[in-house]
Amino acid sequence: MESTFDAVKALIVEVIKPKEEVEITADTRFIEDLKADSMDQFFLVDGLCEKFDINIPDEAALEIHTVGDAVAAVDKLLQEKSA
């Protein structure tokens, strides 16, 4: 089964399409490292919601700055959903 990190990483590559060969790790920052703009971030959050069948509230989306933040948000919402 695909890990949350691998699924998020695949979505990042699909949505943001990094222009450089950047190694995507949990510490990779969307704006500084991947050169994502606000539309990229919007489409990424939308893609995460669709891929994982979750709803990321606006307040939580504003706290997503790194790949690790995205993975943690998805894992938390999936855990809450299954509880």
Protein backbone atom coordinates (compact mmCIF):
# COMPACT_ATOMS: atom_id res chain seq x y z
CA MET A 1 0.00 0.00 0.00
CA GLU A 2 1.23 3.49 -0.86
CA SER A 3 2.27 5.60 2.12
CA THR A 4 0.73 9.01 2.70
CA PHE A 5 4.12 10.61 2.00
CA ASP A 6 4.46 8.84 -1.36
CA ALA A 7 0.91 9.77 -2.38
CA VAL A 8 1.42 13.41 -1.38
CA LYS A 9 4.78 13.50 -3.18
CA ALA A 10 3.21 12.12 -6.39
CA LEU A 11 0.46 14.74 -6.20
CA ILE A 12 3.03 17.51 -5.69
CA VAL A 13 4.92 16.43 -8.81
CA GLU A 14 1.64 16.31 -10.76
CA VAL A 15 0.27 19.66 -9.55
CA ILE A 16 3.32 21.86 -9.01
CA LYS A 17 5.55 20.30 -11.66
CA PRO A 18 8.84 21.42 -10.08
CA LYS A 19 11.00 23.11 -12.71
CA GLU A 20 14.25 21.92 -11.21
CA GLU A 21 15.41 18.55 -10.01
CA VAL A 22 14.47 19.04 -6.37
CA GLU A 23 14.56 16.13 -3.97
CA ILE A 24 11.18 16.16 -2.26
CA THR A 25 11.50 15.35 1.45
CA ALA A 26 9.33 16.06 4.47
CA ASP A 27 11.28 19.31 4.98
CA THR A 28 10.76 20.57 1.41
CA ARG A 29 9.03 23.95 1.48
CA PHE A 30 6.40 24.68 -1.16
CA ILE A 31 7.19 28.34 -1.79
CA GLU A 32 10.93 28.53 -1.16
CA ASP A 33 12.05 25.14 -2.52
CA LEU A 34 9.41 24.22 -5.11
CA LYS A 35 8.63 27.80 -6.21
CA ALA A 36 4.90 27.19 -5.78
CA ASP A 37 2.58 30.16 -6.09
CA SER A 38 -0.79 30.64 -4.42
CA MET A 39 -2.66 28.90 -7.26
CA ASP A 40 -0.32 25.89 -7.03
CA GLN A 41 -1.04 25.70 -3.32
CA PHE A 42 -4.79 25.98 -3.88
CA PHE A 43 -4.75 23.17 -6.46
CA LEU A 44 -2.54 21.06 -4.20
CA VAL A 45 -4.93 21.36 -1.24
CA ASP A 46 -7.86 20.66 -3.58
CA GLY A 47 -6.03 17.62 -4.94
CA LEU A 48 -5.30 16.33 -1.44
CA CYS A 49 -8.97 16.64 -0.53
CA GLU A 50 -10.01 14.76 -3.65
CA LYS A 51 -7.32 12.06 -3.48
CA PHE A 52 -7.87 11.23 0.19
CA ASP A 53 -11.62 12.03 0.33
CA ILE A 54 -11.12 14.55 3.14
CA ASN A 55 -11.93 18.20 3.75
CA ILE A 56 -9.01 20.43 4.71
CA PRO A 57 -10.41 23.55 6.43
CA ASP A 58 -9.02 26.90 5.29
CA GLU A 59 -7.35 27.46 8.67
CA ALA A 60 -5.51 24.14 8.38
CA ALA A 61 -4.55 24.82 4.75
CA LEU A 62 -2.87 28.07 5.80
CA GLU A 63 -0.60 26.07 8.13
CA ILE A 64 0.72 23.83 5.35
CA HIS A 65 4.19 25.15 4.45
CA THR A 66 6.18 21.94 3.94
CA VAL A 67 5.59 18.48 2.52
CA GLY A 68 5.69 17.17 6.08
CA ASP A 69 2.94 19.63 7.07
CA ALA A 70 0.77 18.31 4.23
CA VAL A 71 1.38 14.68 5.20
CA ALA A 72 0.61 15.42 8.87
CA ALA A 73 -2.62 17.26 7.95
CA VAL A 74 -3.78 14.40 5.72
CA ASP A 75 -2.92 11.75 8.33
CA LYS A 76 -4.72 13.71 11.07
CA LEU A 77 -7.87 14.15 8.98
CA LEU A 78 -7.86 10.51 7.88
CA GLN A 79 -7.51 9.42 11.51
CA GLU A 80 -10.40 11.69 12.57
CA LYS A 81 -12.51 10.39 9.69
CA SER A 82 -12.00 6.75 10.68
CA ALA A 83 -12.66 7.37 14.39
